[in-house]
Amino acid sequence: MKIFRLLVMLVFLLVGLVIGVLNSAEVTLDFMFSSVRTTLGMVIVVALLAGLIIGSSLVFVVALIPTYSKLRRTNKVLAQMRSASELAADLRPTDGLH
């Protein structure tokens, strides 16, 4: 599994390098209060990374948090059922009559 992760990281690094080399034109990003001069490849890579971070955050908020909440509720119900089961076991007659 570690080798697979390493290969995936190397592929992404290689793709980033290729994008940077093929898009070497200089561009100016003008924000309202400042501007930045950099290469087009760098702009593309940073935009892709920002999209990855934003997309991962949205998946976390939309999918994982509700699933975790449902798991907590289910565990709470399970704990109540176990305690009710133990209570019922304690109420059984112990005089040998079933």
N, C-alpha and C. Protein backbone atom coordinates (compact mmCIF):
# COMPACT_ATOMS: atom_id res chain seq x y z
N MET A 1 0.83 -1.19 0.00
CA MET A 1 0.00 0.00 0.00
C MET A 1 0.87 1.26 0.00
N LYS A 2 1.99 1.20 0.73
CA LYS A 2 2.87 2.36 0.77
C LYS A 2 3.49 2.62 -0.60
N ILE A 3 3.78 1.55 -1.32
CA ILE A 3 4.36 1.71 -2.66
C ILE A 3 3.34 2.36 -3.58
N PHE A 4 2.07 1.97 -3.47
CA PHE A 4 1.02 2.57 -4.29
C PHE A 4 0.90 4.06 -4.01
N ARG A 5 0.92 4.44 -2.74
CA ARG A 5 0.86 5.86 -2.38
C ARG A 5 2.04 6.62 -2.97
N LEU A 6 3.21 6.04 -2.86
CA LEU A 6 4.41 6.68 -3.39
C LEU A 6 4.29 6.86 -4.90
N LEU A 7 3.80 5.85 -5.60
CA LEU A 7 3.64 5.96 -7.05
C LEU A 7 2.62 7.04 -7.41
N VAL A 8 1.53 7.11 -6.68
CA VAL A 8 0.52 8.14 -6.95
C VAL A 8 1.11 9.53 -6.73
N MET A 9 1.86 9.70 -5.65
CA MET A 9 2.49 11.00 -5.38
C MET A 9 3.49 11.36 -6.47
N LEU A 10 4.25 10.39 -6.93
CA LEU A 10 5.22 10.65 -7.99
C LEU A 10 4.53 11.02 -9.30
N VAL A 11 3.41 10.37 -9.60
CA VAL A 11 2.65 10.71 -10.81
C VAL A 11 2.16 12.15 -10.73
N PHE A 12 1.60 12.54 -9.58
CA PHE A 12 1.12 13.91 -9.44
C PHE A 12 2.27 14.92 -9.51
N LEU A 13 3.41 14.58 -8.94
CA LEU A 13 4.57 15.46 -9.03
C LEU A 13 5.01 15.61 -10.48
N LEU A 14 5.03 14.51 -11.20
CA LEU A 14 5.42 14.54 -12.61
C LEU A 14 4.43 15.37 -13.43
N VAL A 15 3.14 15.20 -13.18
CA VAL A 15 2.12 15.99 -13.89
C VAL A 15 2.31 17.47 -13.58
N GLY A 16 2.57 17.80 -12.33
CA GLY A 16 2.81 19.20 -11.96
C GLY A 16 4.02 19.78 -12.67
N LEU A 17 5.09 18.99 -12.75
CA LEU A 17 6.29 19.46 -13.45
C LEU A 17 6.03 19.66 -14.94
N VAL A 18 5.30 18.74 -15.55
CA VAL A 18 4.98 18.86 -16.98
C VAL A 18 4.13 20.10 -17.22
N ILE A 19 3.13 20.32 -16.37
CA ILE A 19 2.29 21.51 -16.51
C ILE A 19 3.15 22.77 -16.37
N GLY A 20 4.05 22.77 -15.42
CA GLY A 20 4.91 23.93 -15.23
C GLY A 20 5.83 24.19 -16.40
N VAL A 21 6.37 23.15 -16.99
CA VAL A 21 7.29 23.31 -18.12
C VAL A 21 6.54 23.74 -19.38
N LEU A 22 5.39 23.14 -19.62
CA LEU A 22 4.64 23.45 -20.85
C LEU A 22 3.96 24.81 -20.79
N ASN A 23 3.73 25.33 -19.61
CA ASN A 23 3.05 26.62 -19.46
C ASN A 23 3.98 27.60 -18.75
N SER A 24 5.05 27.97 -19.43
CA SER A 24 6.07 28.81 -18.80
C SER A 24 5.86 30.30 -19.06
N ALA A 25 4.76 30.66 -19.70
CA ALA A 25 4.50 32.08 -19.96
C ALA A 25 4.27 32.81 -18.64
N GLU A 26 4.77 34.02 -18.58
CA GLU A 26 4.62 34.80 -17.35
C GLU A 26 3.28 35.53 -17.36
N VAL A 27 2.59 35.46 -16.23
CA VAL A 27 1.29 36.13 -16.10
C VAL A 27 1.30 36.97 -14.83
N THR A 28 0.41 37.94 -14.80
CA THR A 28 0.25 38.78 -13.62
C THR A 28 -1.14 38.56 -13.07
N LEU A 29 -1.20 38.13 -11.83
CA LEU A 29 -2.48 37.99 -11.14
C LEU A 29 -2.74 39.28 -10.40
N ASP A 30 -3.81 39.95 -10.74
CA ASP A 30 -4.10 41.24 -10.14
C ASP A 30 -5.24 41.07 -9.14
N PHE A 31 -4.89 41.19 -7.87
CA PHE A 31 -5.89 41.22 -6.82
C PHE A 31 -6.22 42.68 -6.57
N MET A 32 -7.24 42.97 -5.82
CA MET A 32 -7.64 44.37 -5.65
C MET A 32 -6.53 45.24 -5.07
N PHE A 33 -5.81 44.70 -4.11
CA PHE A 33 -4.83 45.53 -3.40
C PHE A 33 -3.39 45.19 -3.74
N SER A 34 -3.17 44.11 -4.44
CA SER A 34 -1.80 43.75 -4.82
C SER A 34 -1.84 42.90 -6.09
N SER A 35 -0.67 42.67 -6.64
CA SER A 35 -0.58 41.82 -7.83
C SER A 35 0.64 40.92 -7.68
N VAL A 36 0.57 39.78 -8.35
CA VAL A 36 1.64 38.79 -8.27
C VAL A 36 2.01 38.38 -9.69
N ARG A 37 3.31 38.36 -9.97
CA ARG A 37 3.80 37.89 -11.27
C ARG A 37 4.36 36.49 -11.07
N THR A 38 3.87 35.57 -11.88
CA THR A 38 4.32 34.18 -11.79
C THR A 38 4.10 33.51 -13.14
N THR A 39 4.45 32.24 -13.25
CA THR A 39 4.24 31.53 -14.50
C THR A 39 2.83 30.95 -14.56
N LEU A 40 2.36 30.73 -15.75
CA LEU A 40 1.03 30.17 -15.95
C LEU A 40 0.93 28.77 -15.35
N GLY A 41 1.99 27.99 -15.45
CA GLY A 41 2.00 26.65 -14.87
C GLY A 41 1.79 26.68 -13.37
N MET A 42 2.42 27.63 -12.70
CA MET A 42 2.26 27.76 -11.25
C MET A 42 0.82 28.13 -10.91
N VAL A 43 0.23 29.01 -11.70
CA VAL A 43 -1.17 29.40 -11.48
C VAL A 43 -2.08 28.19 -11.62
N ILE A 44 -1.84 27.37 -12.64
CA ILE A 44 -2.66 26.18 -12.87
C ILE A 44 -2.52 25.19 -11.71
N VAL A 45 -1.30 24.93 -11.28
CA VAL A 45 -1.07 23.98 -10.19
C VAL A 45 -1.70 24.48 -8.89
N VAL A 46 -1.54 25.76 -8.58
CA VAL A 46 -2.14 26.31 -7.36
C VAL A 46 -3.66 26.25 -7.43
N ALA A 47 -4.23 26.52 -8.60
CA ALA A 47 -5.69 26.44 -8.75
C ALA A 47 -6.17 25.01 -8.57
N LEU A 48 -5.43 24.04 -9.10
CA LEU A 48 -5.81 22.63 -8.92
C LEU A 48 -5.73 22.22 -7.45
N LEU A 49 -4.68 22.66 -6.76
CA LEU A 49 -4.56 22.34 -5.34
C LEU A 49 -5.67 22.99 -4.52
N ALA A 50 -6.00 24.24 -4.84
CA ALA A 50 -7.09 24.91 -4.14
C ALA A 50 -8.41 24.18 -4.38
N GLY A 51 -8.65 23.73 -5.60
CA GLY A 51 -9.85 22.96 -5.89
C GLY A 51 -9.89 21.64 -5.14
N LEU A 52 -8.74 21.00 -5.02
CA LEU A 52 -8.65 19.75 -4.27
C LEU A 52 -8.98 19.97 -2.80
N ILE A 53 -8.44 21.02 -2.22
CA ILE A 53 -8.69 21.31 -0.81
C ILE A 53 -10.16 21.67 -0.59
N ILE A 54 -10.71 22.51 -1.44
CA ILE A 54 -12.11 22.91 -1.29
C ILE A 54 -13.03 21.71 -1.51
N GLY A 55 -12.76 20.91 -2.52
CA GLY A 55 -13.58 19.73 -2.79
C GLY A 55 -13.53 18.72 -1.65
N SER A 56 -12.34 18.48 -1.11
CA SER A 56 -12.21 17.56 0.02
C SER A 56 -12.96 18.08 1.24
N SER A 57 -12.90 19.37 1.47
CA SER A 57 -13.63 19.96 2.59
C SER A 57 -15.13 19.80 2.42
N LEU A 58 -15.63 20.00 1.21
CA LEU A 58 -17.06 19.83 0.96
C LEU A 58 -17.49 18.39 1.16
N VAL A 59 -16.69 17.44 0.71
CA VAL A 59 -17.01 16.03 0.93
C VAL A 59 -17.05 15.74 2.42
N PHE A 60 -16.12 16.28 3.17
CA PHE A 60 -16.09 16.08 4.62
C PHE A 60 -17.35 16.61 5.26
N VAL A 61 -17.75 17.81 4.88
CA VAL A 61 -18.92 18.44 5.49
C VAL A 61 -20.21 17.74 5.07
N VAL A 62 -20.33 17.41 3.79
CA VAL A 62 -21.59 16.88 3.27
C VAL A 62 -21.75 15.38 3.56
N ALA A 63 -20.68 14.62 3.57
CA ALA A 63 -20.80 13.17 3.69
C ALA A 63 -20.34 12.62 5.03
N LEU A 64 -19.18 13.00 5.48
CA LEU A 64 -18.62 12.36 6.66
C LEU A 64 -19.27 12.81 7.96
N ILE A 65 -19.55 14.08 8.12
CA ILE A 65 -20.12 14.55 9.37
C ILE A 65 -21.51 13.96 9.61
N PRO A 66 -22.43 13.96 8.62
CA PRO A 66 -23.73 13.30 8.88
C PRO A 66 -23.60 11.80 9.15
N THR A 67 -22.67 11.14 8.47
CA THR A 67 -22.46 9.71 8.71
C THR A 67 -21.96 9.47 10.13
N TYR A 68 -21.05 10.31 10.59
CA TYR A 68 -20.54 10.19 11.95
C TYR A 68 -21.66 10.43 12.97
N SER A 69 -22.53 11.40 12.71
CA SER A 69 -23.65 11.67 13.61
C SER A 69 -24.59 10.47 13.67
N LYS A 70 -24.86 9.86 12.54
CA LYS A 70 -25.73 8.68 12.51
C LYS A 70 -25.08 7.53 13.27
N LEU A 71 -23.79 7.36 13.13
CA LEU A 71 -23.07 6.31 13.86
C LEU A 71 -23.16 6.53 15.36
N ARG A 72 -23.01 7.77 15.80
CA ARG A 72 -23.12 8.07 17.23
C ARG A 72 -24.52 7.74 17.76
N ARG A 73 -25.56 8.12 16.99
CA ARG A 73 -26.93 7.80 17.42
C ARG A 73 -27.15 6.30 17.49
N THR A 74 -26.64 5.57 16.51
CA THR A 74 -26.80 4.12 16.48
C THR A 74 -26.08 3.48 17.66
N ASN A 75 -24.89 3.95 17.98
CA ASN A 75 -24.15 3.42 19.13
C ASN A 75 -24.88 3.71 20.43
N LYS A 76 -25.51 4.87 20.52
CA LYS A 76 -26.26 5.22 21.72
C LYS A 76 -27.46 4.28 21.90
N VAL A 77 -28.18 4.00 20.81
CA VAL A 77 -29.32 3.07 20.86
C VAL A 77 -28.84 1.67 21.22
N LEU A 78 -27.72 1.25 20.66
CA LEU A 78 -27.16 -0.06 20.96
C LEU A 78 -26.80 -0.17 22.43
N ALA A 79 -26.21 0.87 22.99
CA ALA A 79 -25.86 0.85 24.41
C ALA A 79 -27.12 0.75 25.27
N GLN A 80 -28.20 1.45 24.89
CA GLN A 80 -29.46 1.36 25.63
C GLN A 80 -30.04 -0.04 25.54
N MET A 81 -29.95 -0.65 24.37
CA MET A 81 -30.47 -2.01 24.21
C MET A 81 -29.67 -3.00 25.03
N ARG A 82 -28.37 -2.82 25.10
CA ARG A 82 -27.53 -3.71 25.91
C ARG A 82 -27.85 -3.58 27.39
N SER A 83 -28.04 -2.34 27.85
CA SER A 83 -28.36 -2.15 29.26
C SER A 83 -29.73 -2.72 29.58
N ALA A 84 -30.70 -2.60 28.66
CA ALA A 84 -32.02 -3.19 28.87
C ALA A 84 -31.93 -4.71 28.89
N SER A 85 -31.07 -5.27 28.05
CA SER A 85 -30.88 -6.72 28.02
C SER A 85 -30.27 -7.21 29.32
N GLU A 86 -29.30 -6.49 29.85
CA GLU A 86 -28.68 -6.87 31.11
C GLU A 86 -29.67 -6.75 32.26
N LEU A 87 -30.52 -5.74 32.23
CA LEU A 87 -31.53 -5.56 33.26
C LEU A 87 -32.53 -6.71 33.21
N ALA A 88 -32.93 -7.12 32.01
CA ALA A 88 -33.86 -8.24 31.87
C ALA A 88 -33.22 -9.53 32.35
N ALA A 89 -31.94 -9.71 32.15
CA ALA A 89 -31.25 -10.90 32.62
C ALA A 89 -31.21 -10.93 34.14
N ASP A 90 -31.11 -9.78 34.77
CA ASP A 90 -31.09 -9.71 36.23
C ASP A 90 -32.45 -10.02 36.83
N LEU A 91 -33.52 -9.84 36.09
CA LEU A 91 -34.87 -10.04 36.60
C LEU A 91 -35.36 -11.48 36.46
N ARG A 92 -34.59 -12.35 35.86
CA ARG A 92 -34.99 -13.75 35.70
C ARG A 92 -35.01 -14.43 37.07
N PRO A 93 -35.94 -15.36 37.26
CA PRO A 93 -36.00 -16.06 38.56
C PRO A 93 -34.77 -16.94 38.74
N THR A 94 -34.30 -17.00 39.96
CA THR A 94 -33.10 -17.77 40.26
C THR A 94 -33.41 -19.01 41.09
N ASP A 95 -34.69 -19.35 41.24
CA ASP A 95 -35.05 -20.50 42.08
C ASP A 95 -35.11 -21.80 41.29
N GLY A 96 -34.66 -21.80 40.07
CA GLY A 96 -34.64 -23.01 39.26
C GLY A 96 -35.85 -23.16 38.39
N LEU A 97 -36.86 -22.32 38.55
CA LEU A 97 -38.04 -22.37 37.70
C LEU A 97 -37.83 -21.50 36.48
N HIS A 98 -38.11 -22.04 35.30
CA HIS A 98 -37.93 -21.25 34.08
C HIS A 98 -39.22 -21.04 33.40
